[in-house]
């Protein structure tokens, strides 16, 4: 019998974690490394998602609160909606969901709902915001 086949069954030099047998120690090490790489990649991706979306929607021109306000107004087709800051009483922790009682959304409801609002392109919320401000100024004159 060759030594290559018998080395897989020999116990490693260091102690194995609980639940790991000697034949599967190498596989567990590679699984741990792969999972660690995936977790690091998810953290990096998550940390870049919000800044990238903020830039897409128009962050240097609009604040994050204004971006949130514009998204609410576009999503529910209601110019009076605004985002609440300080989410202590927001949906996961308490209070009503943001869409509860919203009857202004122009969507086709059913098993697979279809939103009727338009796709928001690169920095289009800035244009929507400026158009809304211009309409409000024209209405007050």
N, C-alpha and C. Protein backbone atom coordinates (compact mmCIF):
# COMPACT_ATOMS: atom_id res chain seq x y z
N UNK A 1 0.85 -1.18 0.00
CA UNK A 1 0.00 0.00 0.00
C UNK A 1 0.89 1.24 0.00
N UNK A 2 0.54 2.23 -0.80
CA UNK A 2 1.38 3.42 -0.90
C UNK A 2 1.13 4.35 0.28
N UNK A 3 2.06 5.23 0.51
CA UNK A 3 1.95 6.15 1.64
C UNK A 3 0.98 7.29 1.34
N UNK A 4 0.69 7.55 0.06
CA UNK A 4 -0.24 8.64 -0.28
C UNK A 4 -1.63 8.37 0.26
N UNK A 5 -2.10 7.14 0.16
CA UNK A 5 -3.44 6.80 0.64
C UNK A 5 -3.50 6.79 2.16
N UNK A 6 -2.43 6.42 2.79
CA UNK A 6 -2.47 6.31 4.25
C UNK A 6 -2.29 7.67 4.92
N UNK A 7 -1.74 8.67 4.22
CA UNK A 7 -1.54 9.98 4.86
C UNK A 7 -2.86 10.70 5.09
N UNK A 8 -3.88 10.43 4.29
CA UNK A 8 -5.17 11.09 4.48
C UNK A 8 -5.83 10.66 5.77
N UNK A 9 -5.53 9.45 6.23
CA UNK A 9 -6.16 8.95 7.44
C UNK A 9 -5.31 9.21 8.68
N UNK A 10 -4.10 9.72 8.52
CA UNK A 10 -3.27 9.98 9.69
C UNK A 10 -3.74 11.25 10.36
N UNK A 11 -3.73 11.28 11.68
CA UNK A 11 -4.21 12.47 12.38
C UNK A 11 -3.26 13.65 12.17
N UNK A 12 -3.78 14.86 12.06
CA UNK A 12 -2.93 16.03 11.88
C UNK A 12 -2.16 16.35 13.16
N UNK A 13 -1.20 17.24 13.01
CA UNK A 13 -0.34 17.61 14.15
C UNK A 13 -1.09 18.41 15.20
N UNK A 14 -2.00 19.23 14.78
CA UNK A 14 -2.75 20.05 15.74
C UNK A 14 -4.09 19.38 16.05
N UNK A 15 -4.69 19.71 17.19
CA UNK A 15 -5.97 19.09 17.56
C UNK A 15 -7.09 19.57 16.63
N UNK A 16 -8.01 18.68 16.38
CA UNK A 16 -9.14 18.99 15.50
C UNK A 16 -10.26 19.66 16.27
N UNK A 17 -11.02 20.54 15.61
CA UNK A 17 -12.18 21.13 16.26
C UNK A 17 -13.22 20.05 16.56
N UNK A 18 -14.07 20.29 17.53
CA UNK A 18 -15.09 19.29 17.85
C UNK A 18 -15.97 19.01 16.64
N UNK A 19 -16.28 17.76 16.40
CA UNK A 19 -17.13 17.36 15.30
C UNK A 19 -16.41 17.10 14.01
N UNK A 20 -15.09 17.34 13.96
CA UNK A 20 -14.30 17.12 12.75
C UNK A 20 -13.49 15.85 12.91
N UNK A 21 -13.63 14.96 11.95
CA UNK A 21 -12.82 13.74 11.97
C UNK A 21 -11.59 13.96 11.11
N UNK A 22 -10.58 13.19 11.32
CA UNK A 22 -9.31 13.36 10.61
C UNK A 22 -9.46 13.31 9.09
N UNK A 23 -10.25 12.39 8.51
CA UNK A 23 -10.35 12.39 7.05
C UNK A 23 -10.98 13.66 6.46
N UNK A 24 -11.77 14.39 7.25
CA UNK A 24 -12.45 15.57 6.74
C UNK A 24 -11.82 16.88 7.22
N UNK A 25 -10.69 16.83 7.90
CA UNK A 25 -10.06 18.03 8.45
C UNK A 25 -9.65 18.99 7.33
N UNK A 26 -9.08 18.47 6.25
CA UNK A 26 -8.64 19.33 5.14
C UNK A 26 -9.85 20.00 4.49
N UNK A 27 -10.92 19.25 4.26
CA UNK A 27 -12.12 19.83 3.66
C UNK A 27 -12.69 20.94 4.55
N UNK A 28 -12.68 20.75 5.87
CA UNK A 28 -13.20 21.75 6.78
C UNK A 28 -12.35 23.02 6.75
N UNK A 29 -11.03 22.86 6.65
CA UNK A 29 -10.15 24.03 6.56
C UNK A 29 -10.48 24.83 5.30
N UNK A 30 -10.68 24.15 4.16
CA UNK A 30 -10.99 24.86 2.92
C UNK A 30 -12.38 25.49 2.97
N UNK A 31 -13.32 24.83 3.61
CA UNK A 31 -14.64 25.43 3.78
C UNK A 31 -14.56 26.69 4.64
N UNK A 32 -13.79 26.63 5.72
CA UNK A 32 -13.63 27.81 6.57
C UNK A 32 -13.00 28.96 5.79
N UNK A 33 -12.00 28.67 5.01
CA UNK A 33 -11.35 29.72 4.21
C UNK A 33 -12.32 30.30 3.18
N UNK A 34 -13.07 29.44 2.50
CA UNK A 34 -14.03 29.92 1.52
C UNK A 34 -15.12 30.77 2.14
N UNK A 35 -15.63 30.35 3.29
CA UNK A 35 -16.66 31.12 3.98
C UNK A 35 -16.11 32.46 4.44
N UNK A 36 -14.88 32.48 4.91
CA UNK A 36 -14.27 33.74 5.34
C UNK A 36 -14.11 34.69 4.15
N UNK A 37 -13.69 34.17 3.01
CA UNK A 37 -13.57 35.02 1.81
C UNK A 37 -14.94 35.57 1.41
N UNK A 38 -15.98 34.73 1.44
CA UNK A 38 -17.32 35.20 1.09
C UNK A 38 -17.81 36.27 2.07
N UNK A 39 -17.57 36.09 3.35
CA UNK A 39 -18.00 37.08 4.34
C UNK A 39 -17.28 38.41 4.14
N UNK A 40 -15.98 38.37 3.87
CA UNK A 40 -15.23 39.60 3.62
C UNK A 40 -15.75 40.28 2.36
N UNK A 41 -16.03 39.51 1.32
CA UNK A 41 -16.57 40.09 0.08
C UNK A 41 -17.94 40.72 0.33
N UNK A 42 -18.79 40.09 1.14
CA UNK A 42 -20.10 40.66 1.45
C UNK A 42 -19.98 41.96 2.23
N UNK A 43 -19.04 42.03 3.15
CA UNK A 43 -18.85 43.26 3.92
C UNK A 43 -18.38 44.38 3.02
N UNK A 44 -17.44 44.07 2.12
CA UNK A 44 -16.95 45.10 1.19
C UNK A 44 -18.07 45.55 0.26
N UNK A 45 -18.84 44.60 -0.27
CA UNK A 45 -19.94 44.95 -1.16
C UNK A 45 -20.98 45.79 -0.43
N UNK A 46 -21.31 45.40 0.79
CA UNK A 46 -22.30 46.14 1.56
C UNK A 46 -21.84 47.55 1.89
N UNK A 47 -20.55 47.72 2.13
CA UNK A 47 -20.05 49.05 2.48
C UNK A 47 -19.98 49.96 1.26
N UNK A 48 -19.99 49.39 0.06
CA UNK A 48 -19.96 50.21 -1.15
C UNK A 48 -21.33 50.43 -1.77
N UNK A 49 -22.34 49.70 -1.33
CA UNK A 49 -23.66 49.78 -1.95
C UNK A 49 -24.34 51.12 -1.67
N UNK A 50 -24.38 51.55 -0.43
CA UNK A 50 -25.08 52.80 -0.09
C UNK A 50 -24.40 54.00 -0.74
N UNK A 51 -23.07 54.13 -0.67
CA UNK A 51 -22.47 55.28 -1.37
C UNK A 51 -22.70 55.25 -2.88
N UNK A 52 -22.67 54.07 -3.49
CA UNK A 52 -22.89 53.99 -4.93
C UNK A 52 -24.32 54.38 -5.28
N UNK A 53 -25.31 53.92 -4.51
CA UNK A 53 -26.70 54.30 -4.77
C UNK A 53 -26.92 55.79 -4.50
N UNK A 54 -26.29 56.31 -3.47
CA UNK A 54 -26.43 57.74 -3.18
C UNK A 54 -25.90 58.58 -4.35
N UNK A 55 -24.75 58.19 -4.90
CA UNK A 55 -24.22 58.90 -6.06
C UNK A 55 -25.14 58.76 -7.26
N UNK A 56 -25.70 57.57 -7.46
CA UNK A 56 -26.60 57.33 -8.59
C UNK A 56 -27.83 58.24 -8.52
N UNK A 57 -28.38 58.39 -7.33
CA UNK A 57 -29.60 59.17 -7.18
C UNK A 57 -29.35 60.67 -7.08
N UNK A 58 -28.11 61.10 -6.91
CA UNK A 58 -27.82 62.54 -6.92
C UNK A 58 -27.30 63.10 -5.62
N UNK A 59 -26.51 62.34 -4.87
CA UNK A 59 -26.09 62.75 -3.55
C UNK A 59 -25.35 64.07 -3.45
N UNK A 60 -24.39 64.39 -4.26
CA UNK A 60 -23.73 65.68 -3.97
C UNK A 60 -24.69 66.86 -4.05
N UNK A 61 -25.68 66.76 -4.91
CA UNK A 61 -26.64 67.86 -5.06
C UNK A 61 -27.75 67.77 -4.02
N UNK A 62 -28.27 66.56 -3.80
CA UNK A 62 -29.33 66.34 -2.82
C UNK A 62 -28.76 65.66 -1.58
N UNK A 63 -29.29 66.00 -0.42
CA UNK A 63 -28.89 65.30 0.79
C UNK A 63 -29.55 63.92 0.82
N UNK A 64 -29.10 63.06 1.72
CA UNK A 64 -29.70 61.73 1.83
C UNK A 64 -31.17 61.82 2.21
N UNK A 65 -31.53 62.80 3.04
CA UNK A 65 -32.93 62.99 3.41
C UNK A 65 -33.75 63.42 2.20
N UNK A 66 -33.21 64.31 1.38
CA UNK A 66 -33.94 64.74 0.18
C UNK A 66 -34.09 63.59 -0.81
N UNK A 67 -33.07 62.73 -0.92
CA UNK A 67 -33.17 61.56 -1.79
C UNK A 67 -34.28 60.65 -1.29
N UNK A 68 -34.33 60.43 0.01
CA UNK A 68 -35.38 59.60 0.59
C UNK A 68 -36.75 60.21 0.33
N UNK A 69 -36.88 61.53 0.52
CA UNK A 69 -38.15 62.21 0.27
C UNK A 69 -38.59 62.04 -1.18
N UNK A 70 -37.68 62.26 -2.10
CA UNK A 70 -38.01 62.14 -3.52
C UNK A 70 -38.41 60.72 -3.89
N UNK A 71 -37.73 59.74 -3.32
CA UNK A 71 -38.09 58.34 -3.59
C UNK A 71 -39.51 58.05 -3.09
N UNK A 72 -39.85 58.55 -1.90
CA UNK A 72 -41.21 58.34 -1.38
C UNK A 72 -42.24 59.00 -2.28
N UNK A 73 -41.95 60.21 -2.75
CA UNK A 73 -42.89 60.93 -3.59
C UNK A 73 -43.08 60.24 -4.94
N UNK A 74 -42.01 59.73 -5.50
CA UNK A 74 -42.11 59.03 -6.78
C UNK A 74 -42.81 57.69 -6.60
N UNK A 75 -42.45 56.97 -5.56
CA UNK A 75 -42.99 55.63 -5.36
C UNK A 75 -44.50 55.64 -5.11
N UNK A 76 -44.97 56.61 -4.32
CA UNK A 76 -46.38 56.65 -3.97
C UNK A 76 -47.18 57.70 -4.73
N UNK A 77 -46.55 58.39 -5.68
CA UNK A 77 -47.21 59.40 -6.52
C UNK A 77 -47.94 60.43 -5.66
N UNK A 78 -47.28 60.86 -4.60
CA UNK A 78 -47.88 61.83 -3.67
C UNK A 78 -46.80 62.82 -3.27
N UNK A 79 -46.97 64.09 -3.69
CA UNK A 79 -45.94 65.10 -3.42
C UNK A 79 -45.88 65.55 -1.97
N UNK A 80 -46.80 65.13 -1.14
CA UNK A 80 -46.81 65.57 0.25
C UNK A 80 -46.03 64.63 1.18
N UNK A 81 -45.59 63.48 0.69
CA UNK A 81 -44.90 62.52 1.56
C UNK A 81 -43.47 62.94 1.83
N UNK A 82 -43.01 62.66 3.04
CA UNK A 82 -41.62 62.91 3.41
C UNK A 82 -41.13 61.74 4.24
N UNK A 83 -39.81 61.63 4.35
CA UNK A 83 -39.22 60.57 5.17
C UNK A 83 -39.13 61.04 6.62
N UNK A 84 -39.39 60.12 7.52
CA UNK A 84 -39.24 60.44 8.93
C UNK A 84 -37.82 60.10 9.36
N UNK A 85 -37.19 60.99 10.07
CA UNK A 85 -35.84 60.74 10.58
C UNK A 85 -35.92 60.28 12.02
N UNK A 86 -34.93 59.54 12.46
CA UNK A 86 -34.97 58.99 13.81
C UNK A 86 -35.91 57.82 13.84
N UNK A 87 -35.49 56.70 13.34
CA UNK A 87 -36.37 55.56 13.09
C UNK A 87 -36.61 54.69 14.31
N UNK A 88 -36.74 55.29 15.50
CA UNK A 88 -37.00 54.49 16.69
C UNK A 88 -38.39 53.88 16.64
N UNK A 89 -39.34 54.61 16.08
CA UNK A 89 -40.71 54.08 16.00
C UNK A 89 -41.04 53.59 14.59
N UNK A 90 -40.02 53.29 13.80
CA UNK A 90 -40.22 52.82 12.43
C UNK A 90 -40.60 51.33 12.41
N UNK A 91 -41.01 50.78 11.28
CA UNK A 91 -41.60 49.46 11.20
C UNK A 91 -40.89 48.29 11.88
N UNK A 92 -39.61 48.06 11.74
CA UNK A 92 -39.14 46.85 12.40
C UNK A 92 -39.21 46.95 13.92
N UNK A 93 -39.12 48.16 14.47
CA UNK A 93 -39.13 48.32 15.92
C UNK A 93 -40.50 48.66 16.47
N UNK A 94 -41.38 49.15 15.64
CA UNK A 94 -42.72 49.51 16.07
C UNK A 94 -43.36 50.44 15.07
N UNK A 95 -44.58 50.80 15.30
CA UNK A 95 -45.28 51.69 14.38
C UNK A 95 -45.81 50.97 13.17
N UNK A 96 -46.53 51.73 12.34
CA UNK A 96 -47.12 51.14 11.13
C UNK A 96 -46.08 51.07 10.02
N UNK A 97 -46.21 50.12 9.11
CA UNK A 97 -45.33 50.11 7.95
C UNK A 97 -45.52 51.37 7.12
N UNK A 98 -44.49 51.79 6.40
CA UNK A 98 -44.59 53.05 5.67
C UNK A 98 -45.66 53.02 4.60
N UNK A 99 -45.97 51.85 4.07
CA UNK A 99 -46.97 51.75 3.00
C UNK A 99 -48.38 51.56 3.54
N UNK A 100 -48.53 51.42 4.85
CA UNK A 100 -49.86 51.20 5.42
C UNK A 100 -50.70 52.45 5.21
N UNK A 101 -51.83 52.27 4.63
CA UNK A 101 -52.72 53.39 4.41
C UNK A 101 -52.38 54.19 3.18
N UNK A 102 -51.36 53.82 2.43
CA UNK A 102 -51.01 54.55 1.21
C UNK A 102 -51.91 54.07 0.08
N UNK A 103 -52.78 54.94 -0.35
CA UNK A 103 -53.69 54.59 -1.43
C UNK A 103 -53.35 55.36 -2.70
N UNK A 104 -52.29 56.13 -2.68
CA UNK A 104 -51.95 56.97 -3.83
C UNK A 104 -51.04 56.26 -4.82
N UNK A 105 -50.46 55.14 -4.46
CA UNK A 105 -49.56 54.43 -5.37
C UNK A 105 -50.33 53.92 -6.57
N UNK A 106 -49.77 54.17 -7.74
CA UNK A 106 -50.41 53.71 -8.98
C UNK A 106 -49.78 52.39 -9.39
N UNK A 107 -50.16 51.34 -8.77
CA UNK A 107 -49.62 50.02 -9.05
C UNK A 107 -50.74 49.08 -9.44
N UNK A 108 -50.39 48.02 -10.14
CA UNK A 108 -51.34 46.96 -10.43
C UNK A 108 -51.14 45.89 -9.37
N UNK A 109 -52.10 45.76 -8.48
CA UNK A 109 -51.97 44.82 -7.38
C UNK A 109 -52.46 43.44 -7.80
N UNK A 110 -51.88 42.43 -7.23
CA UNK A 110 -52.26 41.06 -7.52
C UNK A 110 -51.22 40.13 -6.95
N UNK A 111 -51.19 38.91 -7.46
CA UNK A 111 -50.21 37.95 -6.97
C UNK A 111 -48.80 38.46 -7.24
N UNK A 112 -48.58 39.00 -8.44
CA UNK A 112 -47.28 39.60 -8.78
C UNK A 112 -47.51 41.08 -9.07
N UNK A 113 -47.40 41.96 -8.04
CA UNK A 113 -47.68 43.38 -8.25
C UNK A 113 -46.71 43.99 -9.26
N UNK A 114 -47.22 44.94 -10.04
CA UNK A 114 -46.40 45.64 -11.03
C UNK A 114 -46.44 47.12 -10.72
N UNK A 115 -45.30 47.71 -10.35
CA UNK A 115 -45.30 49.14 -10.07
C UNK A 115 -45.46 49.94 -11.35
N UNK A 116 -46.18 51.04 -11.23
CA UNK A 116 -46.45 51.89 -12.39
C UNK A 116 -45.52 53.09 -12.45
N UNK A 117 -44.68 53.28 -11.43
CA UNK A 117 -43.79 54.43 -11.48
C UNK A 117 -42.61 54.13 -12.39
N UNK A 118 -42.08 55.20 -12.96
CA UNK A 118 -41.03 55.08 -13.96
C UNK A 118 -39.69 54.69 -13.34
N UNK A 119 -38.87 54.06 -14.14
CA UNK A 119 -37.50 53.73 -13.73
C UNK A 119 -36.73 55.02 -13.48
N UNK A 120 -36.01 55.08 -12.39
CA UNK A 120 -35.25 56.28 -12.05
C UNK A 120 -33.83 56.11 -12.56
N UNK A 121 -33.44 56.97 -13.48
CA UNK A 121 -32.12 56.90 -14.10
C UNK A 121 -31.06 57.63 -13.28
N UNK A 122 -29.88 57.73 -13.87
CA UNK A 122 -28.73 58.34 -13.20
C UNK A 122 -29.03 59.80 -12.89
N UNK A 123 -29.00 60.15 -11.60
CA UNK A 123 -29.20 61.50 -11.09
C UNK A 123 -30.53 62.12 -11.52
N UNK A 124 -31.52 61.30 -11.83
CA UNK A 124 -32.82 61.80 -12.26
C UNK A 124 -33.61 62.40 -11.10
N UNK A 125 -33.33 61.98 -9.88
CA UNK A 125 -34.04 62.57 -8.74
C UNK A 125 -33.71 64.05 -8.59
N UNK A 126 -32.52 64.47 -9.03
CA UNK A 126 -32.17 65.90 -8.98
C UNK A 126 -33.11 66.68 -9.90
N UNK A 127 -33.34 66.17 -11.11
CA UNK A 127 -34.26 66.82 -12.05
C UNK A 127 -35.68 66.82 -11.50
N UNK A 128 -36.12 65.69 -10.95
CA UNK A 128 -37.47 65.61 -10.38
C UNK A 128 -37.62 66.60 -9.23
N UNK A 129 -36.59 66.70 -8.38
CA UNK A 129 -36.62 67.62 -7.25
C UNK A 129 -36.69 69.08 -7.74
N UNK A 130 -35.84 69.42 -8.70
CA UNK A 130 -35.83 70.80 -9.22
C UNK A 130 -37.14 71.14 -9.91
N UNK A 131 -37.72 70.19 -10.64
CA UNK A 131 -39.02 70.43 -11.28
C UNK A 131 -40.11 70.66 -10.23
N UNK A 132 -40.08 69.91 -9.15
CA UNK A 132 -41.07 70.06 -8.09
C UNK A 132 -40.94 71.42 -7.42
N UNK A 133 -39.72 71.83 -7.14
CA UNK A 133 -39.48 73.16 -6.52
C UNK A 133 -39.98 74.26 -7.45
N UNK A 134 -39.71 74.13 -8.76
CA UNK A 134 -40.17 75.15 -9.72
C UNK A 134 -41.69 75.21 -9.78
N UNK A 135 -42.35 74.04 -9.74
CA UNK A 135 -43.83 74.02 -9.75
C UNK A 135 -44.39 74.69 -8.50
N UNK A 136 -43.77 74.42 -7.35
CA UNK A 136 -44.24 75.02 -6.10
C UNK A 136 -44.06 76.52 -6.11
N UNK A 137 -42.93 77.00 -6.65
CA UNK A 137 -42.71 78.45 -6.72
C UNK A 137 -43.71 79.10 -7.67
N UNK A 138 -44.00 78.43 -8.79
CA UNK A 138 -44.96 78.97 -9.74
C UNK A 138 -46.37 78.99 -9.17
N UNK A 139 -46.69 78.02 -8.34
CA UNK A 139 -48.02 77.96 -7.73
C UNK A 139 -48.20 79.04 -6.67
N UNK A 140 -47.13 79.46 -6.01
CA UNK A 140 -47.22 80.48 -4.96
C UNK A 140 -47.23 81.89 -5.52
N UNK A 141 -46.92 82.07 -6.77
CA UNK A 141 -46.90 83.42 -7.35
C UNK A 141 -48.25 83.86 -7.78
